[in-house]
Amino acid sequence: MRGGPLAGPAPQRSLKARALQWLAQREHSRSELRRKLLPHARALAALGEAAGEGDDDPAARVDALLDWLQAQRHLSEERFVESRIHARAARYGNRRIAQELAQHGLALDAPSAEQLRQNERERAREVWARKFGRPAADAAEWARQARFLTGRGFTAEVVRQVLREAGSGNDDELPD
């Protein structure tokens, strides 16, 4: 019975247990996992100092744990990139996916980038159809649809192609 009147403080989980729990839930990048673990490492170090134990550097402990996780293949940047692409490709364009990976200090490999580039127009068409489903009636609606797709990370050229294919008017009326 947790939290009862006789229960003591909850036991501190180790950094390794926290990391493995988070990795079991979903893939993480090294930088993301480091950012999540560092506050816990600092708290554990503070508890250790209060108890009179050695002064272990929290950042060094986290980095050593991350090295171990990578060596054991629990942490893999390739799997993270693959899972992020899989999770985002149906809703976002190449630019948004690349920007999100860059935030984690990663980049698309050449084959993945080429595959995304080849099917970007089809993905943009599907996103457009789910959101709008009908051609724009006027220039203001066309601009709204274009802003939506651009905000999702699709390139301007792909956005123009999708909106033209959707029958949003003739090329003379469409803004560039």
N, C-alpha and C. Protein backbone atom coordinates (compact mmCIF):
# COMPACT_ATOMS: atom_id res chain seq x y z
N MET A 1 0.84 -1.17 0.00
CA MET A 1 0.00 0.00 0.00
C MET A 1 0.88 1.23 0.00
N ARG A 2 0.93 1.89 -1.11
CA ARG A 2 1.79 3.05 -1.26
C ARG A 2 1.08 4.29 -0.76
N GLY A 3 1.79 5.13 -0.06
CA GLY A 3 1.22 6.40 0.38
C GLY A 3 0.41 6.31 1.65
N GLY A 4 0.42 5.15 2.30
CA GLY A 4 -0.32 5.01 3.54
C GLY A 4 0.36 5.79 4.67
N PRO A 5 -0.26 5.81 5.85
CA PRO A 5 0.28 6.61 6.94
C PRO A 5 1.64 6.11 7.43
N LEU A 6 1.95 4.84 7.24
CA LEU A 6 3.23 4.30 7.69
C LEU A 6 4.27 4.27 6.59
N ALA A 7 3.88 4.66 5.40
CA ALA A 7 4.81 4.61 4.28
C ALA A 7 5.85 5.70 4.42
N GLY A 8 7.07 5.35 4.13
CA GLY A 8 8.15 6.33 4.17
C GLY A 8 8.25 7.03 2.82
N PRO A 9 9.32 7.77 2.63
CA PRO A 9 9.50 8.45 1.34
C PRO A 9 9.68 7.43 0.22
N ALA A 10 9.24 7.79 -0.95
CA ALA A 10 9.37 6.89 -2.10
C ALA A 10 10.85 6.67 -2.39
N PRO A 11 11.25 5.45 -2.70
CA PRO A 11 12.66 5.19 -2.98
C PRO A 11 13.10 5.90 -4.26
N GLN A 12 14.33 6.38 -4.25
CA GLN A 12 14.88 7.05 -5.43
C GLN A 12 15.23 6.00 -6.47
N ARG A 13 14.75 6.21 -7.69
CA ARG A 13 15.12 5.31 -8.77
C ARG A 13 16.48 5.72 -9.29
N SER A 14 17.24 4.77 -9.72
CA SER A 14 18.55 5.08 -10.27
C SER A 14 18.40 5.76 -11.62
N LEU A 15 19.48 6.41 -12.04
CA LEU A 15 19.47 7.05 -13.36
C LEU A 15 19.26 6.00 -14.45
N LYS A 16 19.88 4.85 -14.28
CA LYS A 16 19.76 3.78 -15.27
C LYS A 16 18.31 3.32 -15.38
N ALA A 17 17.63 3.16 -14.25
CA ALA A 17 16.23 2.73 -14.26
C ALA A 17 15.36 3.76 -14.95
N ARG A 18 15.60 5.04 -14.67
CA ARG A 18 14.82 6.10 -15.32
C ARG A 18 15.03 6.08 -16.83
N ALA A 19 16.29 5.98 -17.23
CA ALA A 19 16.61 5.99 -18.67
C ALA A 19 15.97 4.81 -19.38
N LEU A 20 16.08 3.64 -18.78
CA LEU A 20 15.49 2.45 -19.42
C LEU A 20 13.97 2.55 -19.47
N GLN A 21 13.36 3.13 -18.46
CA GLN A 21 11.91 3.30 -18.48
C GLN A 21 11.50 4.24 -19.61
N TRP A 22 12.20 5.36 -19.75
CA TRP A 22 11.87 6.30 -20.82
C TRP A 22 12.11 5.68 -22.20
N LEU A 23 13.20 4.92 -22.33
CA LEU A 23 13.49 4.29 -23.62
C LEU A 23 12.50 3.17 -23.94
N ALA A 24 11.93 2.56 -22.92
CA ALA A 24 10.91 1.53 -23.16
C ALA A 24 9.62 2.16 -23.67
N GLN A 25 9.37 3.40 -23.30
CA GLN A 25 8.15 4.08 -23.73
C GLN A 25 8.24 4.56 -25.17
N ARG A 26 9.41 5.10 -25.55
CA ARG A 26 9.63 5.55 -26.92
C ARG A 26 11.11 5.81 -27.12
N GLU A 27 11.52 5.95 -28.38
CA GLU A 27 12.91 6.27 -28.68
C GLU A 27 13.21 7.70 -28.26
N HIS A 28 14.40 7.94 -27.78
CA HIS A 28 14.86 9.27 -27.40
C HIS A 28 16.20 9.54 -28.08
N SER A 29 16.49 10.79 -28.36
CA SER A 29 17.82 11.14 -28.83
C SER A 29 18.74 11.24 -27.62
N ARG A 30 20.02 11.20 -27.86
CA ARG A 30 20.98 11.30 -26.77
C ARG A 30 20.82 12.63 -26.05
N SER A 31 20.70 13.72 -26.80
CA SER A 31 20.58 15.04 -26.17
C SER A 31 19.30 15.16 -25.35
N GLU A 32 18.21 14.60 -25.84
CA GLU A 32 16.94 14.65 -25.12
C GLU A 32 17.03 13.85 -23.82
N LEU A 33 17.60 12.67 -23.89
CA LEU A 33 17.72 11.84 -22.70
C LEU A 33 18.68 12.48 -21.69
N ARG A 34 19.73 13.10 -22.18
CA ARG A 34 20.68 13.80 -21.29
C ARG A 34 19.96 14.93 -20.56
N ARG A 35 19.18 15.70 -21.31
CA ARG A 35 18.44 16.82 -20.72
C ARG A 35 17.48 16.33 -19.64
N LYS A 36 16.85 15.19 -19.86
CA LYS A 36 15.89 14.66 -18.90
C LYS A 36 16.57 14.06 -17.66
N LEU A 37 17.74 13.46 -17.85
CA LEU A 37 18.42 12.78 -16.76
C LEU A 37 19.22 13.73 -15.86
N LEU A 38 19.72 14.81 -16.42
CA LEU A 38 20.61 15.69 -15.68
C LEU A 38 20.01 16.23 -14.37
N PRO A 39 18.76 16.69 -14.34
CA PRO A 39 18.20 17.15 -13.06
C PRO A 39 18.15 16.04 -12.00
N HIS A 40 17.88 14.82 -12.42
CA HIS A 40 17.83 13.70 -11.49
C HIS A 40 19.24 13.36 -10.99
N ALA A 41 20.22 13.45 -11.86
CA ALA A 41 21.60 13.19 -11.44
C ALA A 41 22.06 14.24 -10.44
N ARG A 42 21.67 15.48 -10.67
CA ARG A 42 22.02 16.54 -9.72
C ARG A 42 21.35 16.32 -8.37
N ALA A 43 20.09 15.89 -8.40
CA ALA A 43 19.38 15.62 -7.14
C ALA A 43 20.02 14.46 -6.40
N LEU A 44 20.40 13.41 -7.12
CA LEU A 44 21.06 12.28 -6.48
C LEU A 44 22.42 12.68 -5.91
N ALA A 45 23.15 13.54 -6.63
CA ALA A 45 24.44 14.02 -6.13
C ALA A 45 24.25 14.86 -4.87
N ALA A 46 23.21 15.67 -4.85
CA ALA A 46 22.94 16.49 -3.66
C ALA A 46 22.59 15.60 -2.47
N LEU A 47 21.83 14.54 -2.70
CA LEU A 47 21.53 13.59 -1.62
C LEU A 47 22.79 12.88 -1.15
N GLY A 48 23.67 12.56 -2.08
CA GLY A 48 24.93 11.90 -1.73
C GLY A 48 25.83 12.80 -0.93
N GLU A 49 25.88 14.09 -1.27
CA GLU A 49 26.69 15.05 -0.51
C GLU A 49 26.13 15.23 0.89
N ALA A 50 24.80 15.24 1.00
CA ALA A 50 24.19 15.38 2.32
C ALA A 50 24.47 14.17 3.19
N ALA A 51 24.63 13.02 2.56
CA ALA A 51 24.90 11.80 3.31
C ALA A 51 26.40 11.61 3.54
N GLY A 52 27.22 12.53 3.01
CA GLY A 52 28.66 12.46 3.22
C GLY A 52 29.38 11.58 2.23
N GLU A 53 28.74 11.23 1.12
CA GLU A 53 29.38 10.41 0.10
C GLU A 53 30.23 11.28 -0.80
N GLY A 54 30.94 10.66 -1.72
CA GLY A 54 31.86 11.37 -2.61
C GLY A 54 31.15 12.37 -3.51
N ASP A 55 31.95 13.28 -4.06
CA ASP A 55 31.38 14.31 -4.92
C ASP A 55 31.51 13.89 -6.38
N ASP A 56 30.56 13.11 -6.83
CA ASP A 56 30.52 12.61 -8.20
C ASP A 56 29.91 13.69 -9.10
N ASP A 57 30.54 13.97 -10.23
CA ASP A 57 30.03 14.98 -11.16
C ASP A 57 28.78 14.45 -11.85
N PRO A 58 27.62 15.12 -11.67
CA PRO A 58 26.37 14.62 -12.28
C PRO A 58 26.43 14.52 -13.80
N ALA A 59 27.03 15.51 -14.46
CA ALA A 59 27.11 15.48 -15.92
C ALA A 59 27.96 14.29 -16.39
N ALA A 60 29.03 14.02 -15.68
CA ALA A 60 29.89 12.89 -16.05
C ALA A 60 29.15 11.56 -15.84
N ARG A 61 28.36 11.47 -14.77
CA ARG A 61 27.57 10.24 -14.53
C ARG A 61 26.57 10.03 -15.65
N VAL A 62 25.90 11.09 -16.05
CA VAL A 62 24.91 10.98 -17.12
C VAL A 62 25.58 10.59 -18.43
N ASP A 63 26.70 11.24 -18.75
CA ASP A 63 27.39 10.93 -20.00
C ASP A 63 27.89 9.48 -20.02
N ALA A 64 28.38 9.00 -18.88
CA ALA A 64 28.84 7.61 -18.80
C ALA A 64 27.66 6.66 -18.99
N LEU A 65 26.52 6.98 -18.39
CA LEU A 65 25.32 6.15 -18.56
C LEU A 65 24.87 6.15 -20.03
N LEU A 66 24.89 7.31 -20.67
CA LEU A 66 24.49 7.38 -22.08
C LEU A 66 25.44 6.58 -22.97
N ASP A 67 26.73 6.63 -22.66
CA ASP A 67 27.70 5.82 -23.41
C ASP A 67 27.38 4.34 -23.25
N TRP A 68 27.07 3.92 -22.03
CA TRP A 68 26.73 2.53 -21.77
C TRP A 68 25.46 2.13 -22.51
N LEU A 69 24.44 3.01 -22.48
CA LEU A 69 23.18 2.72 -23.16
C LEU A 69 23.40 2.57 -24.67
N GLN A 70 24.27 3.40 -25.24
CA GLN A 70 24.57 3.28 -26.67
C GLN A 70 25.35 2.00 -26.95
N ALA A 71 26.29 1.66 -26.10
CA ALA A 71 27.07 0.44 -26.30
C ALA A 71 26.18 -0.80 -26.23
N GLN A 72 25.17 -0.76 -25.38
CA GLN A 72 24.25 -1.89 -25.24
C GLN A 72 23.11 -1.84 -26.27
N ARG A 73 23.11 -0.83 -27.13
CA ARG A 73 22.09 -0.62 -28.18
C ARG A 73 20.70 -0.34 -27.62
N HIS A 74 20.63 0.15 -26.38
CA HIS A 74 19.35 0.61 -25.85
C HIS A 74 19.02 1.99 -26.40
N LEU A 75 20.06 2.76 -26.65
CA LEU A 75 19.94 4.12 -27.17
C LEU A 75 20.56 4.13 -28.56
N SER A 76 19.76 4.50 -29.56
CA SER A 76 20.25 4.48 -30.93
C SER A 76 19.71 5.71 -31.66
N GLU A 77 20.63 6.51 -32.17
CA GLU A 77 20.21 7.70 -32.91
C GLU A 77 19.56 7.31 -34.23
N GLU A 78 20.00 6.21 -34.84
CA GLU A 78 19.39 5.77 -36.09
C GLU A 78 17.93 5.38 -35.87
N ARG A 79 17.67 4.65 -34.78
CA ARG A 79 16.28 4.27 -34.46
C ARG A 79 15.45 5.50 -34.13
N PHE A 80 16.06 6.47 -33.45
CA PHE A 80 15.32 7.69 -33.12
C PHE A 80 14.92 8.42 -34.39
N VAL A 81 15.85 8.58 -35.32
CA VAL A 81 15.55 9.26 -36.58
C VAL A 81 14.45 8.51 -37.33
N GLU A 82 14.59 7.20 -37.41
CA GLU A 82 13.59 6.38 -38.11
C GLU A 82 12.21 6.51 -37.46
N SER A 83 12.15 6.46 -36.15
CA SER A 83 10.85 6.56 -35.47
C SER A 83 10.26 7.95 -35.60
N ARG A 84 11.10 8.97 -35.58
CA ARG A 84 10.59 10.34 -35.73
C ARG A 84 10.05 10.56 -37.13
N ILE A 85 10.74 10.03 -38.13
CA ILE A 85 10.25 10.13 -39.51
C ILE A 85 8.92 9.41 -39.63
N HIS A 86 8.86 8.20 -39.11
CA HIS A 86 7.62 7.41 -39.19
C HIS A 86 6.46 8.13 -38.51
N ALA A 87 6.72 8.74 -37.37
CA ALA A 87 5.66 9.40 -36.61
C ALA A 87 5.22 10.71 -37.26
N ARG A 88 6.11 11.39 -37.95
CA ARG A 88 5.81 12.73 -38.47
C ARG A 88 5.49 12.79 -39.95
N ALA A 89 5.90 11.81 -40.73
CA ALA A 89 5.80 11.91 -42.19
C ALA A 89 4.37 12.06 -42.68
N ALA A 90 3.40 11.47 -42.04
CA ALA A 90 2.02 11.54 -42.52
C ALA A 90 1.41 12.92 -42.30
N ARG A 91 1.99 13.73 -41.43
CA ARG A 91 1.38 15.02 -41.10
C ARG A 91 2.24 16.22 -41.44
N TYR A 92 3.54 16.01 -41.66
CA TYR A 92 4.45 17.14 -41.83
C TYR A 92 5.33 16.98 -43.06
N GLY A 93 5.85 18.11 -43.53
CA GLY A 93 6.73 18.14 -44.68
C GLY A 93 8.18 17.94 -44.29
N ASN A 94 9.02 17.85 -45.30
CA ASN A 94 10.44 17.58 -45.10
C ASN A 94 11.13 18.64 -44.25
N ARG A 95 10.78 19.89 -44.48
CA ARG A 95 11.43 20.96 -43.74
C ARG A 95 11.12 20.87 -42.25
N ARG A 96 9.90 20.57 -41.91
CA ARG A 96 9.52 20.45 -40.49
C ARG A 96 10.21 19.26 -39.84
N ILE A 97 10.27 18.13 -40.54
CA ILE A 97 10.93 16.94 -40.00
C ILE A 97 12.42 17.20 -39.80
N ALA A 98 13.07 17.81 -40.79
CA ALA A 98 14.50 18.11 -40.68
C ALA A 98 14.76 19.10 -39.55
N GLN A 99 13.88 20.09 -39.39
CA GLN A 99 14.04 21.08 -38.32
C GLN A 99 13.89 20.42 -36.95
N GLU A 100 12.95 19.52 -36.82
CA GLU A 100 12.73 18.83 -35.55
C GLU A 100 13.93 17.94 -35.20
N LEU A 101 14.49 17.26 -36.19
CA LEU A 101 15.67 16.44 -35.95
C LEU A 101 16.87 17.32 -35.58
N ALA A 102 16.98 18.48 -36.21
CA ALA A 102 18.08 19.40 -35.90
C ALA A 102 18.00 19.88 -34.45
N GLN A 103 16.80 20.02 -33.92
CA GLN A 103 16.66 20.40 -32.52
C GLN A 103 17.26 19.34 -31.60
N HIS A 104 17.32 18.12 -32.05
CA HIS A 104 17.91 17.03 -31.28
C HIS A 104 19.37 16.80 -31.65
N GLY A 105 19.92 17.67 -32.50
CA GLY A 105 21.30 17.53 -32.91
C GLY A 105 21.53 16.43 -33.93
N LEU A 106 20.49 16.10 -34.68
CA LEU A 106 20.57 15.02 -35.67
C LEU A 106 20.18 15.53 -37.05
N ALA A 107 20.49 14.75 -38.06
CA ALA A 107 20.13 15.11 -39.42
C ALA A 107 19.62 13.86 -40.14
N LEU A 108 18.88 14.10 -41.20
CA LEU A 108 18.40 13.00 -42.04
C LEU A 108 19.57 12.40 -42.80
N ASP A 109 19.61 11.08 -42.89
CA ASP A 109 20.61 10.46 -43.74
C ASP A 109 20.14 10.57 -45.19
N ALA A 110 21.04 10.37 -46.13
CA ALA A 110 20.73 10.58 -47.54
C ALA A 110 19.57 9.72 -48.04
N PRO A 111 19.53 8.42 -47.74
CA PRO A 111 18.40 7.62 -48.25
C PRO A 111 17.04 8.07 -47.68
N SER A 112 17.01 8.41 -46.41
CA SER A 112 15.75 8.87 -45.80
C SER A 112 15.31 10.19 -46.39
N ALA A 113 16.27 11.10 -46.58
CA ALA A 113 15.95 12.40 -47.16
C ALA A 113 15.41 12.24 -48.58
N GLU A 114 16.01 11.35 -49.35
CA GLU A 114 15.55 11.12 -50.72
C GLU A 114 14.16 10.50 -50.76
N GLN A 115 13.91 9.55 -49.87
CA GLN A 115 12.59 8.93 -49.82
C GLN A 115 11.52 9.95 -49.44
N LEU A 116 11.81 10.80 -48.47
CA LEU A 116 10.86 11.84 -48.08
C LEU A 116 10.63 12.84 -49.21
N ARG A 117 11.72 13.19 -49.90
CA ARG A 117 11.60 14.14 -51.00
C ARG A 117 10.72 13.57 -52.12
N GLN A 118 10.86 12.28 -52.40
CA GLN A 118 10.11 11.66 -53.48
C GLN A 118 8.61 11.62 -53.20
N ASN A 119 8.21 11.48 -51.96
CA ASN A 119 6.78 11.36 -51.69
C ASN A 119 6.20 12.58 -50.97
N GLU A 120 6.93 13.69 -50.96
CA GLU A 120 6.45 14.88 -50.26
C GLU A 120 5.15 15.41 -50.86
N ARG A 121 5.05 15.43 -52.19
CA ARG A 121 3.83 15.97 -52.80
C ARG A 121 2.62 15.12 -52.46
N GLU A 122 2.77 13.81 -52.46
CA GLU A 122 1.65 12.93 -52.11
C GLU A 122 1.25 13.14 -50.65
N ARG A 123 2.23 13.28 -49.77
CA ARG A 123 1.92 13.51 -48.36
C ARG A 123 1.22 14.85 -48.17
N ALA A 124 1.68 15.87 -48.89
CA ALA A 124 1.04 17.19 -48.80
C ALA A 124 -0.39 17.13 -49.33
N ARG A 125 -0.60 16.38 -50.39
CA ARG A 125 -1.95 16.23 -50.94
C ARG A 125 -2.88 15.57 -49.91
N GLU A 126 -2.39 14.56 -49.22
CA GLU A 126 -3.20 13.88 -48.20
C GLU A 126 -3.51 14.80 -47.02
N VAL A 127 -2.53 15.58 -46.60
CA VAL A 127 -2.75 16.53 -45.49
C VAL A 127 -3.77 17.57 -45.93
N TRP A 128 -3.62 18.08 -47.15
CA TRP A 128 -4.57 19.07 -47.66
C TRP A 128 -5.99 18.49 -47.71
N ALA A 129 -6.11 17.25 -48.21
CA ALA A 129 -7.44 16.62 -48.34
C ALA A 129 -8.09 16.42 -46.98
N ARG A 130 -7.31 16.03 -45.98
CA ARG A 130 -7.89 15.85 -44.64
C ARG A 130 -8.36 17.16 -44.04
N LYS A 131 -7.61 18.23 -44.29
CA LYS A 131 -7.95 19.52 -43.68
C LYS A 131 -9.02 20.26 -44.47
N PHE A 132 -8.89 20.30 -45.78
CA PHE A 132 -9.77 21.14 -46.60
C PHE A 132 -10.72 20.32 -47.47
N GLY A 133 -10.17 19.44 -48.30
CA GLY A 133 -10.99 18.56 -49.11
C GLY A 133 -11.66 19.19 -50.32
N ARG A 134 -11.61 20.50 -50.43
CA ARG A 134 -12.22 21.15 -51.61
C ARG A 134 -11.35 22.34 -52.01
N PRO A 135 -11.37 22.67 -53.29
CA PRO A 135 -10.53 23.77 -53.78
C PRO A 135 -10.95 25.11 -53.14
N ALA A 136 -10.00 26.00 -53.10
CA ALA A 136 -10.26 27.33 -52.56
C ALA A 136 -11.20 28.09 -53.49
N ALA A 137 -12.13 28.83 -52.89
CA ALA A 137 -13.10 29.59 -53.67
C ALA A 137 -12.53 30.93 -54.14
N ASP A 138 -11.57 31.47 -53.39
CA ASP A 138 -11.01 32.78 -53.75
C ASP A 138 -9.54 32.83 -53.32
N ALA A 139 -8.91 33.95 -53.62
CA ALA A 139 -7.48 34.11 -53.33
C ALA A 139 -7.21 34.06 -51.82
N ALA A 140 -8.10 34.60 -51.02
CA ALA A 140 -7.89 34.59 -49.57
C ALA A 140 -7.91 33.16 -49.03
N GLU A 141 -8.81 32.35 -49.53
CA GLU A 141 -8.88 30.95 -49.10
C GLU A 141 -7.66 30.19 -49.61
N TRP A 142 -7.22 30.51 -50.84
CA TRP A 142 -6.03 29.88 -51.39
C TRP A 142 -4.83 30.20 -50.50
N ALA A 143 -4.71 31.44 -50.09
CA ALA A 143 -3.59 31.86 -49.23
C ALA A 143 -3.67 31.14 -47.87
N ARG A 144 -4.85 30.98 -47.35
CA ARG A 144 -5.02 30.29 -46.07
C ARG A 144 -4.57 28.83 -46.19
N GLN A 145 -4.96 28.18 -47.27
CA GLN A 145 -4.55 26.79 -47.49
C GLN A 145 -3.04 26.70 -47.68
N ALA A 146 -2.49 27.65 -48.42
CA ALA A 146 -1.04 27.65 -48.65
C ALA A 146 -0.28 27.87 -47.34
N ARG A 147 -0.74 28.79 -46.52
CA ARG A 147 -0.09 29.05 -45.23
C ARG A 147 -0.14 27.81 -44.34
N PHE A 148 -1.28 27.13 -44.36
CA PHE A 148 -1.42 25.91 -43.56
C PHE A 148 -0.37 24.88 -43.98
N LEU A 149 -0.28 24.60 -45.28
CA LEU A 149 0.66 23.59 -45.76
C LEU A 149 2.11 24.02 -45.54
N THR A 150 2.38 25.30 -45.73
CA THR A 150 3.74 25.80 -45.49
C THR A 150 4.09 25.68 -44.01
N GLY A 151 3.14 25.97 -43.15
CA GLY A 151 3.36 25.84 -41.72
C GLY A 151 3.61 24.40 -41.29
N ARG A 152 3.12 23.47 -42.06
CA ARG A 152 3.36 22.06 -41.79
C ARG A 152 4.72 21.59 -42.31
N GLY A 153 5.46 22.49 -42.95
CA GLY A 153 6.81 22.15 -43.38
C GLY A 153 6.95 21.72 -44.81
N PHE A 154 5.91 21.89 -45.61
CA PHE A 154 6.01 21.55 -47.02
C PHE A 154 6.61 22.74 -47.77
N THR A 155 7.41 22.46 -48.80
CA THR A 155 8.06 23.53 -49.56
C THR A 155 7.02 24.31 -50.36
N ALA A 156 7.38 25.54 -50.69
CA ALA A 156 6.47 26.41 -51.45
C ALA A 156 6.12 25.78 -52.80
N GLU A 157 7.08 25.15 -53.44
CA GLU A 157 6.81 24.52 -54.75
C GLU A 157 5.81 23.39 -54.61
N VAL A 158 5.96 22.56 -53.61
CA VAL A 158 5.03 21.45 -53.38
C VAL A 158 3.64 22.00 -53.05
N VAL A 159 3.58 23.04 -52.26
CA VAL A 159 2.29 23.66 -51.91
C VAL A 159 1.59 24.16 -53.16
N ARG A 160 2.33 24.86 -54.03
CA ARG A 160 1.72 25.35 -55.29
C ARG A 160 1.22 24.19 -56.14
N GLN A 161 2.01 23.13 -56.24
CA GLN A 161 1.61 21.98 -57.05
C GLN A 161 0.33 21.34 -56.49
N VAL A 162 0.27 21.16 -55.21
CA VAL A 162 -0.90 20.52 -54.59
C VAL A 162 -2.14 21.37 -54.80
N LEU A 163 -2.01 22.67 -54.58
CA LEU A 163 -3.18 23.54 -54.73
C LEU A 163 -3.62 23.65 -56.18
N ARG A 164 -2.67 23.62 -57.11
CA ARG A 164 -3.04 23.62 -58.53
C ARG A 164 -3.75 22.33 -58.90
N GLU A 165 -3.20 21.20 -58.44
CA GLU A 165 -3.82 19.91 -58.74
C GLU A 165 -5.22 19.81 -58.14
N ALA A 166 -5.42 20.48 -57.03
CA ALA A 166 -6.72 20.43 -56.37
C ALA A 166 -7.76 21.25 -57.11
N GLY A 167 -7.32 21.97 -58.12
CA GLY A 167 -8.27 22.75 -58.90
C GLY A 167 -8.59 24.08 -58.26
N SER A 168 -7.62 24.67 -57.63
CA SER A 168 -7.84 25.93 -56.92
C SER A 168 -7.90 27.12 -57.86
N GLY A 169 -8.15 26.91 -59.11
CA GLY A 169 -8.21 28.01 -60.07
C GLY A 169 -7.15 27.82 -61.11
N ASN A 170 -7.09 28.73 -62.07
CA ASN A 170 -6.05 28.59 -63.09
C ASN A 170 -4.78 29.29 -62.63
N ASP A 171 -3.68 29.01 -63.32
CA ASP A 171 -2.36 29.49 -62.89
C ASP A 171 -2.28 31.01 -62.90
N ASP A 172 -3.09 31.72 -63.72
CA ASP A 172 -3.03 33.17 -63.76
C ASP A 172 -3.55 33.79 -62.48
N GLU A 173 -4.47 33.12 -61.80
CA GLU A 173 -5.07 33.68 -60.58
C GLU A 173 -4.28 33.34 -59.33
N LEU A 174 -3.39 32.35 -59.40
CA LEU A 174 -2.71 31.88 -58.19
C LEU A 174 -1.51 32.75 -57.86
N PRO A 175 -1.39 33.14 -56.61
CA PRO A 175 -0.20 33.89 -56.21
C PRO A 175 1.01 32.97 -56.18
N ASP A 176 2.20 33.53 -56.42
CA ASP A 176 3.43 32.72 -56.38
C ASP A 176 4.16 32.89 -55.10
